[in-house]
Amino acid sequence: MNAALSDPRPPAPHAAHASVYAALAGNVAVAVTKLVAAVLTGSAAMFSEAASGR
């Protein structure tokens, strides 16, 4: 029997998945930073930036 067919472990994550997760984590970090800056400064423009995700 083929070893690949009998191995019950799921395949390792693909490199593309890792880069998508890294980009998502980076975007979340930027959004949180903008939200914190908006709260600390009271800046309406920063609130808008945090809400729009730009």
PDB file of N, CA and C in Angstrom:
ATOM      1  N   MET A   1       0.849  -1.182   0.000  1.00  0.00           N
ATOM      2  CA  MET A   1       0.000   0.000   0.000  1.00  0.00           C
ATOM      3  C   MET A   1       0.890   1.238   0.000  1.00  0.00           C
ATOM      4  N   ASN A   2       0.397   2.273  -0.618  1.00  0.00           N
ATOM      5  CA  ASN A   2       1.135   3.523  -0.709  1.00  0.00           C
ATOM      6  C   ASN A   2       1.172   4.190   0.670  1.00  0.00           C
ATOM      7  N   ALA A   3       2.357   4.617   1.116  1.00  0.00           N
ATOM      8  CA  ALA A   3       2.517   5.221   2.436  1.00  0.00           C
ATOM      9  C   ALA A   3       1.721   6.520   2.559  1.00  0.00           C
ATOM     10  N   ALA A   4       1.622   7.277   1.479  1.00  0.00           N
ATOM     11  CA  ALA A   4       0.888   8.546   1.522  1.00  0.00           C
ATOM     12  C   ALA A   4      -0.606   8.317   1.755  1.00  0.00           C
ATOM     13  N   LEU A   5      -1.128   7.221   1.272  1.00  0.00           N
ATOM     14  CA  LEU A   5      -2.550   6.942   1.444  1.00  0.00           C
ATOM     15  C   LEU A   5      -2.867   6.424   2.834  1.00  0.00           C
ATOM     16  N   SER A   6      -1.909   5.769   3.487  1.00  0.00           N
ATOM     17  CA  SER A   6      -2.172   5.187   4.794  1.00  0.00           C
ATOM     18  C   SER A   6      -1.807   6.119   5.948  1.00  0.00           C
ATOM     19  N   ASP A   7      -1.190   7.254   5.667  1.00  0.00           N
ATOM     20  CA  ASP A   7      -0.777   8.188   6.714  1.00  0.00           C
ATOM     21  C   ASP A   7      -1.987   9.015   7.163  1.00  0.00           C
ATOM     22  N   PRO A   8      -2.437   8.882   8.421  1.00  0.00           N
ATOM     23  CA  PRO A   8      -3.635   9.601   8.869  1.00  0.00           C
ATOM     24  C   PRO A   8      -3.402  11.070   9.193  1.00  0.00           C
ATOM     25  N   ARG A   9      -2.147  11.510   9.231  1.00  0.00           N
ATOM     26  CA  ARG A   9      -1.865  12.905   9.577  1.00  0.00           C
ATOM     27  C   ARG A   9      -2.277  13.828   8.443  1.00  0.00           C
ATOM     28  N   PRO A  10      -2.797  15.008   8.776  1.00  0.00           N
ATOM     29  CA  PRO A  10      -3.145  15.962   7.714  1.00  0.00           C
ATOM     30  C   PRO A  10      -1.869  16.514   7.085  1.00  0.00           C
ATOM     31  N   PRO A  11      -1.963  16.984   5.865  1.00  0.00           N
ATOM     32  CA  PRO A  11      -0.771  17.547   5.219  1.00  0.00           C
ATOM     33  C   PRO A  11      -0.319  18.819   5.923  1.00  0.00           C
ATOM     34  N   ALA A  12       0.955  19.103   5.812  1.00  0.00           N
ATOM     35  CA  ALA A  12       1.515  20.315   6.417  1.00  0.00           C
ATOM     36  C   ALA A  12       0.918  21.539   5.728  1.00  0.00           C
ATOM     37  N   PRO A  13       0.767  22.653   6.467  1.00  0.00           N
ATOM     38  CA  PRO A  13       0.221  23.866   5.849  1.00  0.00           C
ATOM     39  C   PRO A  13       1.085  24.314   4.680  1.00  0.00           C
ATOM     40  N   HIS A  14       0.463  24.783   3.675  1.00  0.00           N
ATOM     41  CA  HIS A  14       1.163  25.256   2.492  1.00  0.00           C
ATOM     42  C   HIS A  14       1.756  26.631   2.769  1.00  0.00           C
ATOM     43  N   ALA A  15       2.811  26.961   2.093  1.00  0.00           N
ATOM     44  CA  ALA A  15       3.476  28.256   2.301  1.00  0.00           C
ATOM     45  C   ALA A  15       2.532  29.419   2.014  1.00  0.00           C
ATOM     46  N   ALA A  16       1.625  29.238   1.080  1.00  0.00           N
ATOM     47  CA  ALA A  16       0.671  30.311   0.764  1.00  0.00           C
ATOM     48  C   ALA A  16      -0.232  30.586   1.961  1.00  0.00           C
ATOM     49  N   HIS A  17      -0.613  29.544   2.685  1.00  0.00           N
ATOM     50  CA  HIS A  17      -1.444  29.744   3.869  1.00  0.00           C
ATOM     51  C   HIS A  17      -0.693  30.555   4.915  1.00  0.00           C
ATOM     52  N   ALA A  18       0.568  30.251   5.095  1.00  0.00           N
ATOM     53  CA  ALA A  18       1.365  30.971   6.090  1.00  0.00           C
ATOM     54  C   ALA A  18       1.463  32.452   5.742  1.00  0.00           C
ATOM     55  N   SER A  19       1.637  32.757   4.470  1.00  0.00           N
ATOM     56  CA  SER A  19       1.748  34.173   4.090  1.00  0.00           C
ATOM     57  C   SER A  19       0.412  34.893   4.224  1.00  0.00           C
ATOM     58  N   VAL A  20      -0.691  34.203   3.975  1.00  0.00           N
ATOM     59  CA  VAL A  20      -2.009  34.815   4.163  1.00  0.00           C
ATOM     60  C   VAL A  20      -2.239  35.103   5.641  1.00  0.00           C
ATOM     61  N   TYR A  21      -1.891  34.153   6.507  1.00  0.00           N
ATOM     62  CA  TYR A  21      -2.055  34.358   7.948  1.00  0.00           C
ATOM     63  C   TYR A  21      -1.152  35.492   8.444  1.00  0.00           C
ATOM     64  N   ALA A  22       0.058  35.578   7.919  1.00  0.00           N
ATOM     65  CA  ALA A  22       0.972  36.648   8.317  1.00  0.00           C
ATOM     66  C   ALA A  22       0.419  38.017   7.885  1.00  0.00           C
ATOM     67  N   ALA A  23      -0.129  38.087   6.681  1.00  0.00           N
ATOM     68  CA  ALA A  23      -0.706  39.343   6.205  1.00  0.00           C
ATOM     69  C   ALA A  23      -1.925  39.728   7.037  1.00  0.00           C
ATOM     70  N   LEU A  24      -2.744  38.751   7.376  1.00  0.00           N
ATOM     71  CA  LEU A  24      -3.912  39.014   8.207  1.00  0.00           C
ATOM     72  C   LEU A  24      -3.505  39.523   9.582  1.00  0.00           C
ATOM     73  N   ALA A  25      -2.493  38.900  10.172  1.00  0.00           N
ATOM     74  CA  ALA A  25      -2.005  39.340  11.483  1.00  0.00           C
ATOM     75  C   ALA A  25      -1.450  40.760  11.396  1.00  0.00           C
ATOM     76  N   GLY A  26      -0.749  41.059  10.333  1.00  0.00           N
ATOM     77  CA  GLY A  26      -0.222  42.419  10.155  1.00  0.00           C
ATOM     78  C   GLY A  26      -1.322  43.446  10.020  1.00  0.00           C
ATOM     79  N   ASN A  27      -2.366  43.115   9.254  1.00  0.00           N
ATOM     80  CA  ASN A  27      -3.487  44.042   9.086  1.00  0.00           C
ATOM     81  C   ASN A  27      -4.230  44.263  10.392  1.00  0.00           C
ATOM     82  N   VAL A  28      -4.397  43.217  11.175  1.00  0.00           N
ATOM     83  CA  VAL A  28      -5.049  43.355  12.472  1.00  0.00           C
ATOM     84  C   VAL A  28      -4.210  44.234  13.394  1.00  0.00           C
ATOM     85  N   ALA A  29      -2.898  44.027  13.377  1.00  0.00           N
ATOM     86  CA  ALA A  29      -2.012  44.830  14.220  1.00  0.00           C
ATOM     87  C   ALA A  29      -2.090  46.311  13.846  1.00  0.00           C
ATOM     88  N   VAL A  30      -2.145  46.610  12.558  1.00  0.00           N
ATOM     89  CA  VAL A  30      -2.246  47.998  12.114  1.00  0.00           C
ATOM     90  C   VAL A  30      -3.587  48.596  12.548  1.00  0.00           C
ATOM     91  N   ALA A  31      -4.666  47.835  12.404  1.00  0.00           N
ATOM     92  CA  ALA A  31      -5.989  48.334  12.792  1.00  0.00           C
ATOM     93  C   ALA A  31      -6.058  48.606  14.296  1.00  0.00           C
ATOM     94  N   VAL A  32      -5.496  47.712  15.089  1.00  0.00           N
ATOM     95  CA  VAL A  32      -5.502  47.909  16.543  1.00  0.00           C
ATOM     96  C   VAL A  32      -4.672  49.129  16.912  1.00  0.00           C
ATOM     97  N   THR A  33      -3.526  49.282  16.274  1.00  0.00           N
ATOM     98  CA  THR A  33      -2.664  50.437  16.545  1.00  0.00           C
ATOM     99  C   THR A  33      -3.389  51.745  16.208  1.00  0.00           C
ATOM    100  N   LYS A  34      -4.082  51.764  15.069  1.00  0.00           N
ATOM    101  CA  LYS A  34      -4.819  52.969  14.686  1.00  0.00           C
ATOM    102  C   LYS A  34      -5.953  53.255  15.670  1.00  0.00           C
ATOM    103  N   LEU A  35      -6.620  52.205  16.123  1.00  0.00           N
ATOM    104  CA  LEU A  35      -7.711  52.396  17.076  1.00  0.00           C
ATOM    105  C   LEU A  35      -7.189  52.928  18.406  1.00  0.00           C
ATOM    106  N   VAL A  36      -6.068  52.402  18.869  1.00  0.00           N
ATOM    107  CA  VAL A  36      -5.464  52.885  20.112  1.00  0.00           C
ATOM    108  C   VAL A  36      -5.053  54.349  19.949  1.00  0.00           C
ATOM    109  N   ALA A  37      -4.447  54.669  18.813  1.00  0.00           N
ATOM    110  CA  ALA A  37      -4.040  56.057  18.565  1.00  0.00           C
ATOM    111  C   ALA A  37      -5.257  56.973  18.527  1.00  0.00           C
ATOM    112  N   ALA A  38      -6.341  56.505  17.944  1.00  0.00           N
ATOM    113  CA  ALA A  38      -7.560  57.313  17.881  1.00  0.00           C
ATOM    114  C   ALA A  38      -8.138  57.557  19.272  1.00  0.00           C
ATOM    115  N   VAL A  39      -8.123  56.533  20.100  1.00  0.00           N
ATOM    116  CA  VAL A  39      -8.649  56.676  21.461  1.00  0.00           C
ATOM    117  C   VAL A  39      -7.776  57.624  22.275  1.00  0.00           C
ATOM    118  N   LEU A  40      -6.465  57.473  22.147  1.00  0.00           N
ATOM    119  CA  LEU A  40      -5.547  58.306  22.930  1.00  0.00           C
ATOM    120  C   LEU A  40      -5.572  59.769  22.500  1.00  0.00           C
ATOM    121  N   THR A  41      -5.730  60.010  21.213  1.00  0.00           N
ATOM    122  CA  THR A  41      -5.662  61.383  20.711  1.00  0.00           C
ATOM    123  C   THR A  41      -7.038  62.013  20.501  1.00  0.00           C
ATOM    124  N   GLY A  42      -8.064  61.188  20.390  1.00  0.00           N
ATOM    125  CA  GLY A  42      -9.390  61.715  20.099  1.00  0.00           C
ATOM    126  C   GLY A  42      -9.534  62.184  18.668  1.00  0.00           C
ATOM    127  N   SER A  43      -8.666  61.722  17.802  1.00  0.00           N
ATOM    128  CA  SER A  43      -8.656  62.158  16.412  1.00  0.00           C
ATOM    129  C   SER A  43      -9.760  61.474  15.611  1.00  0.00           C
ATOM    130  N   ALA A  44     -10.658  62.269  15.045  1.00  0.00           N
ATOM    131  CA  ALA A  44     -11.712  61.727  14.199  1.00  0.00           C
ATOM    132  C   ALA A  44     -11.140  61.093  12.935  1.00  0.00           C
ATOM    133  N   ALA A  45     -10.070  61.693  12.408  1.00  0.00           N
ATOM    134  CA  ALA A  45      -9.447  61.146  11.210  1.00  0.00           C
ATOM    135  C   ALA A  45      -8.860  59.764  11.492  1.00  0.00           C
ATOM    136  N   MET A  46      -8.268  59.585  12.651  1.00  0.00           N
ATOM    137  CA  MET A  46      -7.685  58.283  12.991  1.00  0.00           C
ATOM    138  C   MET A  46      -8.781  57.261  13.227  1.00  0.00           C
ATOM    139  N   PHE A  47      -9.897  57.671  13.840  1.00  0.00           N
ATOM    140  CA  PHE A  47     -11.050  56.769  13.970  1.00  0.00           C
ATOM    141  C   PHE A  47     -11.522  56.306  12.604  1.00  0.00           C
ATOM    142  N   SER A  48     -11.582  57.244  11.673  1.00  0.00           N
ATOM    143  CA  SER A  48     -12.004  56.919  10.318  1.00  0.00           C
ATOM    144  C   SER A  48     -11.034  55.938   9.665  1.00  0.00           C
ATOM    145  N   GLU A  49      -9.754  56.160   9.859  1.00  0.00           N
ATOM    146  CA  GLU A  49      -8.741  55.242   9.314  1.00  0.00           C
ATOM    147  C   GLU A  49      -8.890  53.857   9.905  1.00  0.00           C
ATOM    148  N   ALA A  50      -9.100  53.779  11.218  1.00  0.00           N
ATOM    149  CA  ALA A  50      -9.235  52.490  11.870  1.00  0.00           C
ATOM    150  C   ALA A  50     -10.493  51.762  11.395  1.00  0.00           C
ATOM    151  N   ALA A  51     -11.564  52.514  11.184  1.00  0.00           N
ATOM    152  CA  ALA A  51     -12.823  51.900  10.755  1.00  0.00           C
ATOM    153  C   ALA A  51     -12.788  51.451   9.308  1.00  0.00           C
ATOM    154  N   SER A  52     -12.079  52.194   8.462  1.00  0.00           N
ATOM    155  CA  SER A  52     -12.080  51.871   7.024  1.00  0.00           C
ATOM    156  C   SER A  52     -11.102  50.757   6.686  1.00  0.00           C
ATOM    157  N   GLY A  53     -10.115  50.543   7.526  1.00  0.00           N
ATOM    158  CA  GLY A  53      -9.139  49.494   7.249  1.00  0.00           C
ATOM    159  C   GLY A  53      -8.148  49.849   6.168  1.00  0.00           C
ATOM    160  N   ARG A  54      -7.923  51.106   5.951  1.00  0.00           N
ATOM    161  CA  ARG A  54      -6.954  51.531   4.927  1.00  0.00           C
ATOM    162  C   ARG A  54      -5.571  51.575   5.465  1.00  0.00           C
TER     163      ARG A  54
END
